[in-house]
Amino acid sequence: SMARFTIVMDYLYTVDSSYLQVFTIQTPASPEKTERLNIGFDIETIFPYEQSLFIGSRTGMVIYDITAPASPVFLSNFNHATSCDPVVVNGNFAWVTLRGGNGCGLSGSQLNVIDISDIQSPVLLNSFPMSDPFGLAIDRDKLFVCDGSAGLKIYSISEQYKLTLLNQFQVLSYDVILDQDKAFVIGVEGLFQY
């Protein structure tokens, strides 16, 4: 979720603070840039889901269609208060952590649940207070949130309007990557596997 690049089929998508760049990697040893789009400012993260890219910025979530993978097309955005902003998606919902303080803007921190069933008009459904959220990951009906000094939290999201805490690990964590039955957690003290 803290990633600045992702691969979808034969294309590599990267973001920097202002641009989305697209590379064809059909020949991995010779990637070719196909597109460079100015998509705003304070861009932070990128997350692919189905035929869309969900891009987190300090001012909101931007959504691009990649049905034509070499040429992404703007679909919509969801604005929020200025804060640091990773995003994950599953089904008709996006989960966005908003971290305040430390130059990220917002005074408090929270997790937003956004309805994206109409992808051109995202709607905020609910917000939950957090301590110091960074990255997050999703696996079907479980949401993993790296909540800084509050540790790694695992929630049930079977009911998207509310969170049910299932487990919490006291590890100062910044990001989590899920791979089949393992969680790789990146924290201050290194890489942990669960």
C-alpha atoms as a PDB file:
ATOM      1  CA  SER A   1       0.000   0.000   0.000  1.00  0.00           C
ATOM      2  CA  MET A   2       2.973   2.335   0.433  1.00  0.00           C
ATOM      3  CA  ALA A   3       4.162   1.331  -3.055  1.00  0.00           C
ATOM      4  CA  ARG A   4       5.063   3.923  -5.662  1.00  0.00           C
ATOM      5  CA  PHE A   5       5.011   1.366  -8.475  1.00  0.00           C
ATOM      6  CA  THR A   6       2.932  -1.617  -9.564  1.00  0.00           C
ATOM      7  CA  ILE A   7       2.800  -4.117 -12.409  1.00  0.00           C
ATOM      8  CA  VAL A   8      -0.433  -5.004 -14.206  1.00  0.00           C
ATOM      9  CA  MET A   9       0.020  -7.622 -16.920  1.00  0.00           C
ATOM     10  CA  ASP A  10       2.738  -6.296 -19.278  1.00  0.00           C
ATOM     11  CA  TYR A  11       2.795  -2.742 -17.884  1.00  0.00           C
ATOM     12  CA  LEU A  12       4.697  -1.052 -15.093  1.00  0.00           C
ATOM     13  CA  TYR A  13       3.026   2.012 -13.510  1.00  0.00           C
ATOM     14  CA  THR A  14       5.045   4.395 -11.340  1.00  0.00           C
ATOM     15  CA  VAL A  15       4.173   7.566  -9.451  1.00  0.00           C
ATOM     16  CA  ASP A  16       6.335  10.372  -8.150  1.00  0.00           C
ATOM     17  CA  SER A  17       5.120  13.536  -6.451  1.00  0.00           C
ATOM     18  CA  SER A  18       3.278  14.742  -9.591  1.00  0.00           C
ATOM     19  CA  TYR A  19       3.378  12.181 -12.399  1.00  0.00           C
ATOM     20  CA  LEU A  20       2.009   8.794 -13.367  1.00  0.00           C
ATOM     21  CA  GLN A  21       4.396   7.070 -15.772  1.00  0.00           C
ATOM     22  CA  VAL A  22       3.614   3.967 -17.822  1.00  0.00           C
ATOM     23  CA  PHE A  23       6.185   1.520 -19.171  1.00  0.00           C
ATOM     24  CA  THR A  24       5.589  -1.506 -21.358  1.00  0.00           C
ATOM     25  CA  ILE A  25       7.576  -4.462 -20.027  1.00  0.00           C
ATOM     26  CA  GLN A  26       6.667  -7.027 -22.669  1.00  0.00           C
ATOM     27  CA  THR A  27      10.431  -7.322 -23.132  1.00  0.00           C
ATOM     28  CA  PRO A  28      11.599  -7.042 -19.510  1.00  0.00           C
ATOM     29  CA  ALA A  29      15.211  -6.276 -20.430  1.00  0.00           C
ATOM     30  CA  SER A  30      14.063  -3.300 -22.532  1.00  0.00           C
ATOM     31  CA  PRO A  31      11.168  -1.445 -20.862  1.00  0.00           C
ATOM     32  CA  GLU A  32       9.703   1.389 -22.932  1.00  0.00           C
ATOM     33  CA  LYS A  33       7.897   4.446 -21.579  1.00  0.00           C
ATOM     34  CA  THR A  34       4.486   4.828 -23.225  1.00  0.00           C
ATOM     35  CA  GLU A  35       2.949   7.650 -21.187  1.00  0.00           C
ATOM     36  CA  ARG A  36       3.735  10.355 -18.644  1.00  0.00           C
ATOM     37  CA  LEU A  37       0.711  12.097 -17.121  1.00  0.00           C
ATOM     38  CA  ASN A  38       0.696  15.048 -14.743  1.00  0.00           C
ATOM     39  CA  ILE A  39      -1.845  13.891 -12.156  1.00  0.00           C
ATOM     40  CA  GLY A  40      -1.552  16.571  -9.483  1.00  0.00           C
ATOM     41  CA  PHE A  41       0.787  17.125  -6.573  1.00  0.00           C
ATOM     42  CA  ASP A  42       1.805  15.391  -3.328  1.00  0.00           C
ATOM     43  CA  ILE A  43       1.171  11.982  -4.931  1.00  0.00           C
ATOM     44  CA  GLU A  44       2.217   9.200  -2.554  1.00  0.00           C
ATOM     45  CA  THR A  45       0.993   5.693  -3.439  1.00  0.00           C
ATOM     46  CA  ILE A  46      -0.502   3.504  -6.163  1.00  0.00           C
ATOM     47  CA  PHE A  47      -2.768   0.437  -5.877  1.00  0.00           C
ATOM     48  CA  PRO A  48      -4.168  -1.575  -8.815  1.00  0.00           C
ATOM     49  CA  TYR A  49      -7.592  -3.191  -8.680  1.00  0.00           C
ATOM     50  CA  GLU A  50      -9.288  -4.819 -11.642  1.00  0.00           C
ATOM     51  CA  GLN A  51      -9.147  -2.250 -14.495  1.00  0.00           C
ATOM     52  CA  SER A  52      -8.306   0.754 -12.316  1.00  0.00           C
ATOM     53  CA  LEU A  53      -5.408   2.429 -10.535  1.00  0.00           C
ATOM     54  CA  PHE A  54      -6.147   3.984  -7.143  1.00  0.00           C
ATOM     55  CA  ILE A  55      -3.607   6.690  -6.399  1.00  0.00           C
ATOM     56  CA  GLY A  56      -3.212   8.171  -2.932  1.00  0.00           C
ATOM     57  CA  SER A  57      -2.160  11.787  -2.527  1.00  0.00           C
ATOM     58  CA  ARG A  58      -2.037  14.137   0.438  1.00  0.00           C
ATOM     59  CA  THR A  59      -5.304  15.719  -0.695  1.00  0.00           C
ATOM     60  CA  GLY A  60      -7.295  12.701  -1.816  1.00  0.00           C
ATOM     61  CA  MET A  61      -7.629   9.524  -3.845  1.00  0.00           C
ATOM     62  CA  VAL A  62      -7.390   9.719  -7.645  1.00  0.00           C
ATOM     63  CA  ILE A  63      -8.779   6.927  -9.851  1.00  0.00           C
ATOM     64  CA  TYR A  64      -7.579   6.100 -13.369  1.00  0.00           C
ATOM     65  CA  ASP A  65      -9.040   3.573 -15.803  1.00  0.00           C
ATOM     66  CA  ILE A  66      -6.494   1.214 -17.393  1.00  0.00           C
ATOM     67  CA  THR A  67      -8.778  -0.681 -19.759  1.00  0.00           C
ATOM     68  CA  ALA A  68      -6.333   0.558 -22.422  1.00  0.00           C
ATOM     69  CA  PRO A  69      -3.265  -0.205 -20.263  1.00  0.00           C
ATOM     70  CA  ALA A  70      -0.776   1.934 -22.204  1.00  0.00           C
ATOM     71  CA  SER A  71      -2.943   5.056 -21.860  1.00  0.00           C
ATOM     72  CA  PRO A  72      -4.608   5.531 -18.447  1.00  0.00           C
ATOM     73  CA  VAL A  73      -7.718   7.716 -18.404  1.00  0.00           C
ATOM     74  CA  PHE A  74      -8.836   9.843 -15.437  1.00  0.00           C
ATOM     75  CA  LEU A  75     -12.089   8.598 -13.900  1.00  0.00           C
ATOM     76  CA  SER A  76     -12.614  10.507 -10.666  1.00  0.00           C
ATOM     77  CA  ASN A  77     -11.162  11.703  -7.413  1.00  0.00           C
ATOM     78  CA  PHE A  78     -12.176  11.784  -3.791  1.00  0.00           C
ATOM     79  CA  ASN A  79     -10.912  14.790  -1.836  1.00  0.00           C
ATOM     80  CA  HIS A  80     -10.144  14.795   1.868  1.00  0.00           C
ATOM     81  CA  ALA A  81      -8.302  16.956   4.385  1.00  0.00           C
ATOM     82  CA  THR A  82      -4.555  17.237   3.795  1.00  0.00           C
ATOM     83  CA  SER A  83      -2.828  14.159   5.250  1.00  0.00           C
ATOM     84  CA  CYS A  84      -0.608  11.218   4.290  1.00  0.00           C
ATOM     85  CA  ASP A  85      -2.793   8.780   2.396  1.00  0.00           C
ATOM     86  CA  PRO A  86      -2.261   5.121   1.368  1.00  0.00           C
ATOM     87  CA  VAL A  87      -5.251   3.248  -0.136  1.00  0.00           C
ATOM     88  CA  VAL A  88      -6.385  -0.362  -0.722  1.00  0.00           C
ATOM     89  CA  VAL A  89      -9.475  -1.612  -2.549  1.00  0.00           C
ATOM     90  CA  ASN A  90     -11.680  -4.698  -2.588  1.00  0.00           C
ATOM     91  CA  GLY A  91     -15.043  -4.994  -4.303  1.00  0.00           C
ATOM     92  CA  ASN A  92     -17.060  -1.779  -4.051  1.00  0.00           C
ATOM     93  CA  PHE A  93     -15.035  -0.314  -1.196  1.00  0.00           C
ATOM     94  CA  ALA A  94     -11.758   1.550  -0.731  1.00  0.00           C
ATOM     95  CA  TRP A  95     -10.032   1.894   2.628  1.00  0.00           C
ATOM     96  CA  VAL A  96      -7.825   4.949   3.085  1.00  0.00           C
ATOM     97  CA  THR A  97      -5.629   5.743   6.083  1.00  0.00           C
ATOM     98  CA  LEU A  98      -5.187   9.440   6.840  1.00  0.00           C
ATOM     99  CA  ARG A  99      -2.182  10.219   9.036  1.00  0.00           C
ATOM    100  CA  GLY A 100      -2.023  13.617  10.625  1.00  0.00           C
ATOM    101  CA  GLY A 101       0.903  15.541  12.082  1.00  0.00           C
ATOM    102  CA  ASN A 102       4.572  15.321  11.079  1.00  0.00           C
ATOM    103  CA  GLY A 103       4.064  17.494   8.005  1.00  0.00           C
ATOM    104  CA  CYS A 104       1.107  15.412   6.830  1.00  0.00           C
ATOM    105  CA  GLY A 105      -1.390  18.167   7.625  1.00  0.00           C
ATOM    106  CA  LEU A 106      -4.439  16.800   9.435  1.00  0.00           C
ATOM    107  CA  SER A 107      -4.251  17.082  13.243  1.00  0.00           C
ATOM    108  CA  GLY A 108      -5.883  13.701  13.941  1.00  0.00           C
ATOM    109  CA  SER A 109      -5.557  10.347  12.209  1.00  0.00           C
ATOM    110  CA  GLN A 110      -8.274   8.101  10.845  1.00  0.00           C
ATOM    111  CA  LEU A 111      -9.299   5.285   8.526  1.00  0.00           C
ATOM    112  CA  ASN A 112     -11.922   6.172   5.908  1.00  0.00           C
ATOM    113  CA  VAL A 113     -14.230   3.685   4.188  1.00  0.00           C
ATOM    114  CA  ILE A 114     -15.257   4.909   0.725  1.00  0.00           C
ATOM    115  CA  ASP A 115     -18.035   3.484  -1.446  1.00  0.00           C
ATOM    116  CA  ILE A 116     -16.729   3.149  -5.013  1.00  0.00           C
ATOM    117  CA  SER A 117     -19.706   1.232  -6.456  1.00  0.00           C
ATOM    118  CA  ASP A 118     -20.113   4.257  -8.748  1.00  0.00           C
ATOM    119  CA  ILE A 119     -16.419   4.664  -9.515  1.00  0.00           C
ATOM    120  CA  GLN A 120     -17.007   8.103 -10.999  1.00  0.00           C
ATOM    121  CA  SER A 121     -18.588   9.368  -7.764  1.00  0.00           C
ATOM    122  CA  PRO A 122     -16.836   7.941  -4.661  1.00  0.00           C
ATOM    123  CA  VAL A 123     -18.718   8.537  -1.403  1.00  0.00           C
ATOM    124  CA  LEU A 124     -17.400   8.519   2.176  1.00  0.00           C
ATOM    125  CA  LEU A 125     -19.288   5.916   4.234  1.00  0.00           C
ATOM    126  CA  ASN A 126     -17.522   5.991   7.584  1.00  0.00           C
ATOM    127  CA  SER A 127     -14.396   7.122   9.448  1.00  0.00           C
ATOM    128  CA  PHE A 128     -12.629   5.416  12.333  1.00  0.00           C
ATOM    129  CA  PRO A 129     -10.036   7.051  14.624  1.00  0.00           C
ATOM    130  CA  MET A 130      -6.480   5.708  14.399  1.00  0.00           C
ATOM    131  CA  SER A 131      -3.282   6.434  16.335  1.00  0.00           C
ATOM    132  CA  ASP A 132      -0.632   6.902  13.642  1.00  0.00           C
ATOM    133  CA  PRO A 133      -1.605   4.891  10.516  1.00  0.00           C
ATOM    134  CA  PHE A 134       0.764   4.138   7.665  1.00  0.00           C
ATOM    135  CA  GLY A 135       0.337   1.251   5.207  1.00  0.00           C
ATOM    136  CA  LEU A 136      -2.486  -1.220   4.996  1.00  0.00           C
ATOM    137  CA  ALA A 137      -3.395  -4.405   3.137  1.00  0.00           C
ATOM    138  CA  ILE A 138      -6.543  -6.373   2.468  1.00  0.00           C
ATOM    139  CA  ASP A 139      -7.363 -10.056   2.191  1.00  0.00           C
ATOM    140  CA  ARG A 140     -11.030 -10.740   1.450  1.00  0.00           C
ATOM    141  CA  ASP A 141     -12.816  -9.812   4.713  1.00  0.00           C
ATOM    142  CA  LYS A 142      -9.710  -8.870   6.731  1.00  0.00           C
ATOM    143  CA  LEU A 143      -7.999  -5.503   6.804  1.00  0.00           C
ATOM    144  CA  PHE A 144      -4.423  -5.169   8.102  1.00  0.00           C
ATOM    145  CA  VAL A 145      -3.464  -1.676   9.288  1.00  0.00           C
ATOM    146  CA  CYS A 146       0.031  -0.585  10.324  1.00  0.00           C
ATOM    147  CA  ASP A 147      -0.892   1.896  13.037  1.00  0.00           C
ATOM    148  CA  GLY A 148       2.611   3.097  13.942  1.00  0.00           C
ATOM    149  CA  SER A 149       3.369   2.806  17.649  1.00  0.00           C
ATOM    150  CA  ALA A 150      -0.084   1.211  18.216  1.00  0.00           C
ATOM    151  CA  GLY A 151       1.177  -1.801  16.240  1.00  0.00           C
ATOM    152  CA  LEU A 152      -0.200  -3.977  13.478  1.00  0.00           C
ATOM    153  CA  LYS A 153      -3.971  -4.284  13.751  1.00  0.00           C
ATOM    154  CA  ILE A 154      -6.117  -6.882  11.999  1.00  0.00           C
ATOM    155  CA  TYR A 155      -9.794  -6.069  11.536  1.00  0.00           C
ATOM    156  CA  SER A 156     -12.808  -7.941  10.247  1.00  0.00           C
ATOM    157  CA  ILE A 157     -14.473  -5.896   7.505  1.00  0.00           C
ATOM    158  CA  SER A 158     -17.279  -8.357   6.765  1.00  0.00           C
ATOM    159  CA  GLU A 159     -19.561  -5.413   7.531  1.00  0.00           C
ATOM    160  CA  GLN A 160     -17.888  -2.527   5.683  1.00  0.00           C
ATOM    161  CA  TYR A 161     -19.573   0.152   7.773  1.00  0.00           C
ATOM    162  CA  LYS A 162     -17.785  -0.974  10.917  1.00  0.00           C
ATOM    163  CA  LEU A 163     -14.474  -2.478  12.006  1.00  0.00           C
ATOM    164  CA  THR A 164     -14.091  -5.360  14.425  1.00  0.00           C
ATOM    165  CA  LEU A 165     -10.591  -5.740  15.881  1.00  0.00           C
ATOM    166  CA  LEU A 166      -9.498  -9.395  15.592  1.00  0.00           C
ATOM    167  CA  ASN A 167      -5.862  -9.151  16.666  1.00  0.00           C
ATOM    168  CA  GLN A 168      -3.104  -6.670  17.428  1.00  0.00           C
ATOM    169  CA  PHE A 169       0.686  -7.148  17.377  1.00  0.00           C
ATOM    170  CA  GLN A 170       2.952  -4.730  19.244  1.00  0.00           C
ATOM    171  CA  VAL A 171       5.421  -4.034  16.442  1.00  0.00           C
ATOM    172  CA  LEU A 172       6.218  -0.490  15.290  1.00  0.00           C
ATOM    173  CA  SER A 173       5.061  -1.054  11.712  1.00  0.00           C
ATOM    174  CA  TYR A 174       4.943   1.028   8.535  1.00  0.00           C
ATOM    175  CA  ASP A 175       3.712  -1.321   5.835  1.00  0.00           C
ATOM    176  CA  VAL A 176       2.380  -4.828   5.335  1.00  0.00           C
ATOM    177  CA  ILE A 177       2.432  -7.044   2.261  1.00  0.00           C
ATOM    178  CA  LEU A 178       0.216 -10.129   2.099  1.00  0.00           C
ATOM    179  CA  ASP A 179       1.257 -13.187   0.113  1.00  0.00           C
ATOM    180  CA  GLN A 180      -1.017 -16.220   0.363  1.00  0.00           C
ATOM    181  CA  ASP A 181      -0.903 -17.245   4.038  1.00  0.00           C
ATOM    182  CA  LYS A 182       1.901 -14.873   5.108  1.00  0.00           C
ATOM    183  CA  ALA A 183       2.037 -11.241   6.187  1.00  0.00           C
ATOM    184  CA  PHE A 184       5.349  -9.437   5.658  1.00  0.00           C
ATOM    185  CA  VAL A 185       5.485  -6.469   8.021  1.00  0.00           C
ATOM    186  CA  ILE A 186       8.022  -3.668   7.596  1.00  0.00           C
ATOM    187  CA  GLY A 187       8.842  -1.852  10.799  1.00  0.00           C
ATOM    188  CA  VAL A 188      11.515   0.168  12.590  1.00  0.00           C
ATOM    189  CA  GLU A 189      13.350  -2.966  13.696  1.00  0.00           C
ATOM    190  CA  GLY A 190      13.259  -4.720  10.310  1.00  0.00           C
ATOM    191  CA  LEU A 191      11.100  -7.167   8.385  1.00  0.00           C
ATOM    192  CA  PHE A 192       8.753  -9.494  10.298  1.00  0.00           C
ATOM    193  CA  GLN A 193       6.793 -12.469   9.004  1.00  0.00           C
ATOM    194  CA  TYR A 194       3.457 -13.650  10.399  1.00  0.00           C
END
